[in-house]
Structures are given as C-alpha cells and as structure tokens.
Amino acid sequence: MYANDGFRELQRPECLHLLASAPVGRIVHTRHALPAVLPVNFSLDGDGAVVLRTSASSELVRAIDGAVVAFEADEMDAATRAGWSVVVTGAASVVTDAAEHERLTRSGPRSWVPAPREVFVRIEPELVTGRELVGGTLRPAAARWP
C-alpha cells in the first residue's frame, strides 16, 4: 500500500471476512489483449477461494479458464467518505471434479441469470490485499470484524 494516503492496509483474515459480506464483485481479466472488468455475484469457499457460477458457454469462461485474474469487491459510503476494497489475485479454473461440482451446486453461489448448463469457476486466493478508508466517520472495518 501507499503510506500516508488516508487508507489502512487490511490483513488477510479481515479481507476475507469483508469479502464474504459483499453480494457482488468484479472480475478483472484480459479480453482481446485489453483489460476487461465484469460485475458478478460470487461466494467464498472454505479456503478463501472466490467461486463464480456462470453459463458453460459464456465468453467469460473461455476468457478466464487457466488464466491469472483479479477479483475485487468493495463497500463505499460517499456520505461518510468511508469504505473498503479487497482484491484477490490468482489462477482461475473451471471446476471439473464431479463431486466438487455437486458440493458447489448445493453450497456455492446461485446464478442470477440461470442457464441450461452452468459451471463453477474457482479463483485461488494467491494474493489477497485490502484497504480501508480511514478518513470517514464509520467504525473501522477491524471494529466490525470479530
């Protein structure tokens, strides 16, 4: 992080706790050799991996399967000038194990736009970083974190 910029660096456990509270995040990947950002719903798996559920025929699956991607979620309050942002960076892969797919069907994210054939994509949390804006009037994220 950058020193003296009004933000506090969050530790990995804080990041994962905050990430689990967000209903929507953004996946950052490469599309036609350019950065692309797409909002998606998601869930966190037990090991902190980000899990997406999408159509098996989606352009997104073809773009990110086997690629290193970033995933970001945040909460901002413009009125109080407070909030946080968490970024998970890691390799994305389509879940191909049948038992894992079945488990995620029961406990993973629900698709907002169901498709006839859906897949789960797992983003391994190789790098987890977060920042909290400390200039606002909301309690710090650390105070909200158990």
N, C-alpha and C. Protein backbone atom coordinates (compact mmCIF):
# COMPACT_ATOMS: atom_id res chain seq x y z
N MET A 1 0.83 -1.18 0.00
CA MET A 1 0.00 0.00 0.00
C MET A 1 0.88 1.25 0.00
N TYR A 2 0.24 2.37 -0.13
CA TYR A 2 0.97 3.63 -0.18
C TYR A 2 0.86 4.33 1.17
N ALA A 3 1.99 4.69 1.74
CA ALA A 3 2.00 5.33 3.05
C ALA A 3 1.33 6.69 3.00
N ASN A 4 0.62 7.03 4.09
CA ASN A 4 0.01 8.35 4.28
C ASN A 4 -0.99 8.74 3.20
N ASP A 5 -1.72 7.78 2.68
CA ASP A 5 -2.70 8.12 1.65
C ASP A 5 -4.14 8.10 2.17
N GLY A 6 -4.32 8.00 3.49
CA GLY A 6 -5.66 8.01 4.07
C GLY A 6 -6.31 6.65 4.15
N PHE A 7 -5.58 5.61 3.79
CA PHE A 7 -6.11 4.26 3.84
C PHE A 7 -5.31 3.43 4.83
N ARG A 8 -5.97 2.40 5.37
CA ARG A 8 -5.31 1.44 6.25
C ARG A 8 -5.27 0.11 5.54
N GLU A 9 -4.12 -0.53 5.53
CA GLU A 9 -3.98 -1.84 4.92
C GLU A 9 -4.69 -2.88 5.79
N LEU A 10 -5.47 -3.74 5.15
CA LEU A 10 -6.20 -4.79 5.85
C LEU A 10 -5.41 -6.09 5.78
N GLN A 11 -5.48 -6.85 6.84
CA GLN A 11 -4.83 -8.16 6.89
C GLN A 11 -5.73 -9.19 6.20
N ARG A 12 -5.15 -10.30 5.78
CA ARG A 12 -5.88 -11.32 5.03
C ARG A 12 -7.18 -11.77 5.71
N PRO A 13 -7.18 -12.09 7.02
CA PRO A 13 -8.45 -12.51 7.65
C PRO A 13 -9.53 -11.42 7.57
N GLU A 14 -9.14 -10.15 7.76
CA GLU A 14 -10.10 -9.05 7.63
C GLU A 14 -10.63 -8.98 6.20
N CYS A 15 -9.72 -9.13 5.24
CA CYS A 15 -10.12 -9.07 3.83
C CYS A 15 -11.16 -10.14 3.51
N LEU A 16 -10.91 -11.37 3.92
CA LEU A 16 -11.82 -12.46 3.62
C LEU A 16 -13.16 -12.27 4.31
N HIS A 17 -13.14 -11.77 5.54
CA HIS A 17 -14.38 -11.50 6.27
C HIS A 17 -15.22 -10.45 5.53
N LEU A 18 -14.60 -9.38 5.12
CA LEU A 18 -15.31 -8.32 4.40
C LEU A 18 -15.79 -8.80 3.04
N LEU A 19 -14.95 -9.54 2.35
CA LEU A 19 -15.31 -10.07 1.03
C LEU A 19 -16.56 -10.95 1.13
N ALA A 20 -16.65 -11.74 2.18
CA ALA A 20 -17.80 -12.63 2.36
C ALA A 20 -19.10 -11.86 2.55
N SER A 21 -19.01 -10.59 2.93
CA SER A 21 -20.22 -9.79 3.16
C SER A 21 -20.71 -9.08 1.90
N ALA A 22 -19.95 -9.11 0.85
CA ALA A 22 -20.32 -8.38 -0.37
C ALA A 22 -21.17 -9.25 -1.29
N PRO A 23 -22.26 -8.73 -1.82
CA PRO A 23 -23.11 -9.53 -2.70
C PRO A 23 -22.60 -9.60 -4.14
N VAL A 24 -21.83 -8.61 -4.54
CA VAL A 24 -21.36 -8.51 -5.93
C VAL A 24 -19.91 -8.06 -5.92
N GLY A 25 -19.14 -8.59 -6.86
CA GLY A 25 -17.76 -8.16 -7.04
C GLY A 25 -17.49 -7.97 -8.53
N ARG A 26 -16.24 -7.72 -8.85
CA ARG A 26 -15.84 -7.50 -10.24
C ARG A 26 -14.67 -8.40 -10.57
N ILE A 27 -14.80 -9.11 -11.68
CA ILE A 27 -13.68 -9.92 -12.14
C ILE A 27 -12.93 -9.13 -13.19
N VAL A 28 -11.61 -9.11 -13.06
CA VAL A 28 -10.75 -8.38 -13.98
C VAL A 28 -9.94 -9.42 -14.75
N HIS A 29 -10.07 -9.38 -16.06
CA HIS A 29 -9.39 -10.35 -16.91
C HIS A 29 -8.96 -9.67 -18.20
N THR A 30 -8.37 -10.44 -19.08
CA THR A 30 -7.92 -9.90 -20.36
C THR A 30 -8.90 -10.32 -21.44
N ARG A 31 -9.31 -9.35 -22.24
CA ARG A 31 -10.21 -9.61 -23.37
C ARG A 31 -9.64 -8.91 -24.59
N HIS A 32 -9.32 -9.68 -25.60
CA HIS A 32 -8.71 -9.13 -26.82
C HIS A 32 -7.48 -8.30 -26.47
N ALA A 33 -6.66 -8.82 -25.59
CA ALA A 33 -5.39 -8.22 -25.16
C ALA A 33 -5.56 -6.91 -24.40
N LEU A 34 -6.77 -6.63 -23.92
CA LEU A 34 -7.04 -5.43 -23.14
C LEU A 34 -7.69 -5.81 -21.81
N PRO A 35 -7.54 -4.96 -20.78
CA PRO A 35 -8.19 -5.26 -19.51
C PRO A 35 -9.71 -5.18 -19.66
N ALA A 36 -10.40 -6.11 -19.02
CA ALA A 36 -11.86 -6.12 -19.01
C ALA A 36 -12.33 -6.33 -17.58
N VAL A 37 -13.42 -5.67 -17.21
CA VAL A 37 -13.98 -5.77 -15.87
C VAL A 37 -15.45 -6.11 -16.00
N LEU A 38 -15.89 -7.12 -15.24
CA LEU A 38 -17.26 -7.57 -15.34
C LEU A 38 -17.83 -7.79 -13.93
N PRO A 39 -18.97 -7.17 -13.62
CA PRO A 39 -19.58 -7.44 -12.30
C PRO A 39 -20.19 -8.83 -12.28
N VAL A 40 -20.01 -9.54 -11.15
CA VAL A 40 -20.54 -10.89 -10.99
C VAL A 40 -20.94 -11.11 -9.54
N ASN A 41 -21.90 -12.00 -9.33
CA ASN A 41 -22.15 -12.45 -7.97
C ASN A 41 -21.21 -13.62 -7.70
N PHE A 42 -20.99 -13.94 -6.44
CA PHE A 42 -19.95 -14.92 -6.09
C PHE A 42 -20.20 -15.43 -4.69
N SER A 43 -19.38 -16.38 -4.29
CA SER A 43 -19.31 -16.79 -2.89
C SER A 43 -17.87 -17.15 -2.60
N LEU A 44 -17.56 -17.23 -1.31
CA LEU A 44 -16.23 -17.67 -0.89
C LEU A 44 -16.32 -19.11 -0.46
N ASP A 45 -15.34 -19.89 -0.85
CA ASP A 45 -15.27 -21.27 -0.41
C ASP A 45 -14.49 -21.30 0.89
N GLY A 46 -14.45 -22.44 1.56
CA GLY A 46 -13.82 -22.56 2.87
C GLY A 46 -12.37 -22.14 2.92
N ASP A 47 -11.63 -22.29 1.82
CA ASP A 47 -10.22 -21.93 1.81
C ASP A 47 -9.98 -20.49 1.36
N GLY A 48 -11.06 -19.71 1.20
CA GLY A 48 -10.93 -18.33 0.77
C GLY A 48 -10.97 -18.16 -0.73
N ALA A 49 -11.15 -19.25 -1.47
CA ALA A 49 -11.25 -19.14 -2.92
C ALA A 49 -12.55 -18.44 -3.30
N VAL A 50 -12.49 -17.64 -4.33
CA VAL A 50 -13.67 -16.99 -4.88
C VAL A 50 -14.30 -17.96 -5.88
N VAL A 51 -15.61 -18.17 -5.78
CA VAL A 51 -16.30 -19.09 -6.67
C VAL A 51 -17.40 -18.35 -7.42
N LEU A 52 -17.37 -18.48 -8.75
CA LEU A 52 -18.39 -17.90 -9.62
C LEU A 52 -19.21 -19.03 -10.23
N ARG A 53 -20.44 -18.74 -10.58
CA ARG A 53 -21.30 -19.71 -11.28
C ARG A 53 -21.82 -19.01 -12.52
N THR A 54 -21.61 -19.62 -13.67
CA THR A 54 -22.00 -18.97 -14.92
C THR A 54 -22.33 -20.01 -15.99
N SER A 55 -22.80 -19.54 -17.09
CA SER A 55 -23.12 -20.42 -18.21
C SER A 55 -21.86 -21.09 -18.73
N ALA A 56 -21.96 -22.38 -19.01
CA ALA A 56 -20.81 -23.12 -19.55
C ALA A 56 -20.37 -22.57 -20.89
N SER A 57 -21.27 -21.94 -21.62
CA SER A 57 -20.94 -21.42 -22.94
C SER A 57 -20.60 -19.93 -22.93
N SER A 58 -20.44 -19.35 -21.76
CA SER A 58 -20.17 -17.91 -21.69
C SER A 58 -18.78 -17.55 -22.18
N GLU A 59 -18.70 -16.37 -22.71
CA GLU A 59 -17.41 -15.83 -23.15
C GLU A 59 -16.46 -15.69 -21.97
N LEU A 60 -17.02 -15.39 -20.79
CA LEU A 60 -16.21 -15.23 -19.59
C LEU A 60 -15.45 -16.51 -19.27
N VAL A 61 -16.11 -17.65 -19.33
CA VAL A 61 -15.45 -18.92 -19.02
C VAL A 61 -14.28 -19.14 -19.96
N ARG A 62 -14.49 -18.92 -21.23
CA ARG A 62 -13.39 -19.11 -22.20
C ARG A 62 -12.25 -18.14 -21.93
N ALA A 63 -12.55 -16.95 -21.47
CA ALA A 63 -11.51 -15.94 -21.25
C ALA A 63 -10.68 -16.20 -20.00
N ILE A 64 -11.30 -16.77 -18.95
CA ILE A 64 -10.57 -16.86 -17.69
C ILE A 64 -10.09 -18.25 -17.31
N ASP A 65 -10.62 -19.31 -17.91
CA ASP A 65 -10.20 -20.66 -17.53
C ASP A 65 -8.70 -20.83 -17.79
N GLY A 66 -7.94 -21.07 -16.73
CA GLY A 66 -6.50 -21.25 -16.84
C GLY A 66 -5.70 -19.95 -16.80
N ALA A 67 -6.37 -18.83 -16.62
CA ALA A 67 -5.68 -17.52 -16.62
C ALA A 67 -5.55 -16.98 -15.19
N VAL A 68 -4.59 -16.11 -14.99
CA VAL A 68 -4.49 -15.38 -13.74
C VAL A 68 -5.40 -14.17 -13.86
N VAL A 69 -6.27 -13.99 -12.86
CA VAL A 69 -7.25 -12.90 -12.88
C VAL A 69 -7.20 -12.17 -11.54
N ALA A 70 -7.88 -11.05 -11.49
CA ALA A 70 -8.09 -10.34 -10.23
C ALA A 70 -9.58 -10.28 -9.99
N PHE A 71 -9.95 -10.30 -8.73
CA PHE A 71 -11.34 -10.18 -8.33
C PHE A 71 -11.41 -9.12 -7.25
N GLU A 72 -12.32 -8.16 -7.40
CA GLU A 72 -12.42 -7.06 -6.44
C GLU A 72 -13.85 -6.90 -5.97
N ALA A 73 -14.01 -6.62 -4.69
CA ALA A 73 -15.31 -6.25 -4.12
C ALA A 73 -15.06 -5.11 -3.14
N ASP A 74 -16.09 -4.30 -2.93
CA ASP A 74 -15.92 -3.16 -2.04
C ASP A 74 -17.24 -2.74 -1.44
N GLU A 75 -17.15 -1.85 -0.51
CA GLU A 75 -18.31 -1.18 0.08
C GLU A 75 -17.88 0.26 0.33
N MET A 76 -18.60 1.18 -0.24
CA MET A 76 -18.26 2.59 -0.09
C MET A 76 -19.49 3.37 0.35
N ASP A 77 -19.28 4.36 1.19
CA ASP A 77 -20.34 5.26 1.64
C ASP A 77 -19.86 6.68 1.33
N ALA A 78 -20.39 7.25 0.27
CA ALA A 78 -19.95 8.58 -0.16
C ALA A 78 -20.29 9.65 0.88
N ALA A 79 -21.39 9.48 1.58
CA ALA A 79 -21.81 10.49 2.57
C ALA A 79 -20.82 10.60 3.72
N THR A 80 -20.29 9.47 4.16
CA THR A 80 -19.35 9.49 5.29
C THR A 80 -17.90 9.37 4.85
N ARG A 81 -17.70 9.22 3.54
CA ARG A 81 -16.35 9.07 2.99
C ARG A 81 -15.61 7.93 3.66
N ALA A 82 -16.28 6.79 3.73
CA ALA A 82 -15.70 5.62 4.37
C ALA A 82 -15.96 4.40 3.50
N GLY A 83 -15.15 3.38 3.70
CA GLY A 83 -15.38 2.14 2.97
C GLY A 83 -14.14 1.28 2.91
N TRP A 84 -14.24 0.23 2.13
CA TRP A 84 -13.14 -0.71 1.99
C TRP A 84 -13.15 -1.30 0.59
N SER A 85 -12.02 -1.87 0.22
CA SER A 85 -11.87 -2.57 -1.05
C SER A 85 -10.93 -3.75 -0.83
N VAL A 86 -11.31 -4.91 -1.37
CA VAL A 86 -10.49 -6.12 -1.27
C VAL A 86 -10.25 -6.66 -2.66
N VAL A 87 -9.01 -7.08 -2.93
CA VAL A 87 -8.65 -7.66 -4.22
C VAL A 87 -8.02 -9.03 -3.99
N VAL A 88 -8.55 -10.03 -4.71
CA VAL A 88 -7.99 -11.38 -4.70
C VAL A 88 -7.40 -11.60 -6.08
N THR A 89 -6.14 -12.01 -6.13
CA THR A 89 -5.47 -12.30 -7.39
C THR A 89 -5.05 -13.77 -7.38
N GLY A 90 -5.33 -14.46 -8.49
CA GLY A 90 -4.94 -15.86 -8.56
C GLY A 90 -5.41 -16.51 -9.84
N ALA A 91 -5.08 -17.77 -9.96
CA ALA A 91 -5.43 -18.54 -11.15
C ALA A 91 -6.90 -18.94 -11.09
N ALA A 92 -7.58 -18.78 -12.22
CA ALA A 92 -8.98 -19.17 -12.35
C ALA A 92 -9.06 -20.49 -13.11
N SER A 93 -9.95 -21.36 -12.66
CA SER A 93 -10.13 -22.62 -13.38
C SER A 93 -11.56 -23.11 -13.21
N VAL A 94 -12.06 -23.74 -14.27
CA VAL A 94 -13.38 -24.34 -14.22
C VAL A 94 -13.30 -25.58 -13.34
N VAL A 95 -14.26 -25.75 -12.46
CA VAL A 95 -14.33 -26.92 -11.60
C VAL A 95 -14.78 -28.10 -12.46
N THR A 96 -13.92 -29.11 -12.58
CA THR A 96 -14.24 -30.28 -13.41
C THR A 96 -14.52 -31.53 -12.59
N ASP A 97 -14.15 -31.55 -11.33
CA ASP A 97 -14.40 -32.70 -10.47
C ASP A 97 -15.90 -32.79 -10.18
N ALA A 98 -16.49 -33.95 -10.47
CA ALA A 98 -17.94 -34.14 -10.32
C ALA A 98 -18.40 -33.95 -8.88
N ALA A 99 -17.66 -34.48 -7.91
CA ALA A 99 -18.04 -34.35 -6.50
C ALA A 99 -17.96 -32.89 -6.06
N GLU A 100 -16.93 -32.20 -6.49
CA GLU A 100 -16.79 -30.78 -6.15
C GLU A 100 -17.91 -29.96 -6.79
N HIS A 101 -18.25 -30.27 -8.03
CA HIS A 101 -19.34 -29.57 -8.72
C HIS A 101 -20.65 -29.79 -7.97
N GLU A 102 -20.90 -31.01 -7.54
CA GLU A 102 -22.13 -31.31 -6.78
C GLU A 102 -22.16 -30.55 -5.47
N ARG A 103 -21.02 -30.52 -4.76
CA ARG A 103 -20.95 -29.78 -3.49
C ARG A 103 -21.25 -28.30 -3.71
N LEU A 104 -20.65 -27.72 -4.76
CA LEU A 104 -20.87 -26.30 -5.04
C LEU A 104 -22.30 -26.03 -5.52
N THR A 105 -22.92 -27.00 -6.16
CA THR A 105 -24.32 -26.84 -6.57
C THR A 105 -25.20 -26.66 -5.33
N ARG A 106 -24.86 -27.35 -4.25
CA ARG A 106 -25.63 -27.24 -3.01
C ARG A 106 -25.24 -26.00 -2.20
N SER A 107 -23.95 -25.67 -2.15
CA SER A 107 -23.50 -24.64 -1.21
C SER A 107 -22.85 -23.42 -1.86
N GLY A 108 -22.65 -23.45 -3.16
CA GLY A 108 -21.95 -22.35 -3.84
C GLY A 108 -22.90 -21.22 -4.22
N PRO A 109 -22.42 -20.31 -5.02
CA PRO A 109 -23.25 -19.16 -5.40
C PRO A 109 -24.42 -19.58 -6.29
N ARG A 110 -25.48 -18.83 -6.21
CA ARG A 110 -26.65 -19.03 -7.07
C ARG A 110 -26.54 -18.09 -8.24
N SER A 111 -26.83 -18.58 -9.41
CA SER A 111 -26.75 -17.74 -10.61
C SER A 111 -27.92 -16.76 -10.63
N TRP A 112 -27.65 -15.51 -10.94
CA TRP A 112 -28.70 -14.50 -11.06
C TRP A 112 -29.42 -14.64 -12.40
N VAL A 113 -28.74 -15.21 -13.37
CA VAL A 113 -29.32 -15.46 -14.68
C VAL A 113 -29.06 -16.94 -15.00
N PRO A 114 -29.93 -17.82 -14.51
CA PRO A 114 -29.69 -19.26 -14.71
C PRO A 114 -29.59 -19.62 -16.19
N ALA A 115 -28.72 -20.58 -16.47
CA ALA A 115 -28.51 -21.07 -17.83
C ALA A 115 -28.79 -22.57 -17.83
N PRO A 116 -29.08 -23.14 -19.01
CA PRO A 116 -29.35 -24.58 -19.07
C PRO A 116 -28.18 -25.42 -18.58
N ARG A 117 -26.97 -25.00 -18.87
CA ARG A 117 -25.77 -25.73 -18.42
C ARG A 117 -24.83 -24.73 -17.76
N GLU A 118 -24.59 -24.92 -16.48
CA GLU A 118 -23.75 -23.97 -15.74
C GLU A 118 -22.48 -24.65 -15.24
N VAL A 119 -21.45 -23.84 -15.05
CA VAL A 119 -20.19 -24.31 -14.48
C VAL A 119 -19.81 -23.40 -13.33
N PHE A 120 -18.93 -23.92 -12.49
CA PHE A 120 -18.34 -23.12 -11.42
C PHE A 120 -16.91 -22.81 -11.80
N VAL A 121 -16.50 -21.59 -11.52
CA VAL A 121 -15.12 -21.17 -11.73
C VAL A 121 -14.54 -20.81 -10.37
N ARG A 122 -13.40 -21.38 -10.06
CA ARG A 122 -12.72 -21.12 -8.79
C ARG A 122 -11.51 -20.23 -9.04
N ILE A 123 -11.38 -19.18 -8.24
CA ILE A 123 -10.20 -18.32 -8.28
C ILE A 123 -9.41 -18.59 -7.00
N GLU A 124 -8.24 -19.16 -7.15
CA GLU A 124 -7.40 -19.48 -5.99
C GLU A 124 -6.84 -18.19 -5.41
N PRO A 125 -6.94 -17.99 -4.10
CA PRO A 125 -6.50 -16.73 -3.48
C PRO A 125 -4.99 -16.68 -3.24
N GLU A 126 -4.23 -16.52 -4.31
CA GLU A 126 -2.77 -16.47 -4.18
C GLU A 126 -2.30 -15.18 -3.52
N LEU A 127 -2.97 -14.08 -3.82
CA LEU A 127 -2.65 -12.79 -3.23
C LEU A 127 -3.96 -12.14 -2.82
N VAL A 128 -4.08 -11.78 -1.53
CA VAL A 128 -5.28 -11.13 -1.01
C VAL A 128 -4.86 -9.83 -0.36
N THR A 129 -5.34 -8.71 -0.89
CA THR A 129 -4.99 -7.41 -0.34
C THR A 129 -6.26 -6.59 -0.12
N GLY A 130 -6.19 -5.67 0.80
CA GLY A 130 -7.35 -4.83 1.06
C GLY A 130 -6.94 -3.52 1.69
N ARG A 131 -7.83 -2.55 1.48
CA ARG A 131 -7.61 -1.22 2.05
C ARG A 131 -8.93 -0.71 2.62
N GLU A 132 -8.81 0.02 3.70
CA GLU A 132 -9.97 0.66 4.31
C GLU A 132 -9.70 2.15 4.35
N LEU A 133 -10.68 2.92 3.92
CA LEU A 133 -10.59 4.37 4.01
C LEU A 133 -10.82 4.76 5.46
N VAL A 134 -9.83 5.37 6.07
CA VAL A 134 -9.91 5.70 7.50
C VAL A 134 -10.28 7.15 7.75
N GLY A 135 -10.49 7.92 6.71
CA GLY A 135 -10.82 9.33 6.88
C GLY A 135 -12.28 9.58 7.18
N GLY A 136 -13.13 8.57 7.03
CA GLY A 136 -14.57 8.73 7.21
C GLY A 136 -14.98 8.60 8.66
N THR A 137 -16.30 8.57 8.88
CA THR A 137 -16.83 8.54 10.24
C THR A 137 -17.37 7.17 10.63
N LEU A 138 -17.42 6.19 9.71
CA LEU A 138 -17.86 4.86 10.07
C LEU A 138 -16.81 4.19 10.94
N ARG A 139 -17.25 3.23 11.74
CA ARG A 139 -16.28 2.46 12.53
C ARG A 139 -15.32 1.76 11.57
N PRO A 140 -14.08 1.63 11.96
CA PRO A 140 -13.12 0.89 11.11
C PRO A 140 -13.59 -0.53 10.88
N ALA A 141 -13.19 -1.09 9.75
CA ALA A 141 -13.55 -2.48 9.41
C ALA A 141 -13.09 -3.41 10.52
N ALA A 142 -11.94 -3.14 11.09
CA ALA A 142 -11.41 -4.01 12.14
C ALA A 142 -12.36 -4.06 13.33
N ALA A 143 -13.06 -2.97 13.63
CA ALA A 143 -14.01 -2.94 14.73
C ALA A 143 -15.26 -3.75 14.41
N ARG A 144 -15.58 -3.89 13.11
CA ARG A 144 -16.74 -4.68 12.71
C ARG A 144 -16.39 -6.15 12.57
N TRP A 145 -15.10 -6.44 12.49
CA TRP A 145 -14.64 -7.80 12.29
C TRP A 145 -14.49 -8.48 13.63
N PRO A 146 -15.04 -9.70 13.77
CA PRO A 146 -14.97 -10.36 15.10
C PRO A 146 -13.56 -10.69 15.53
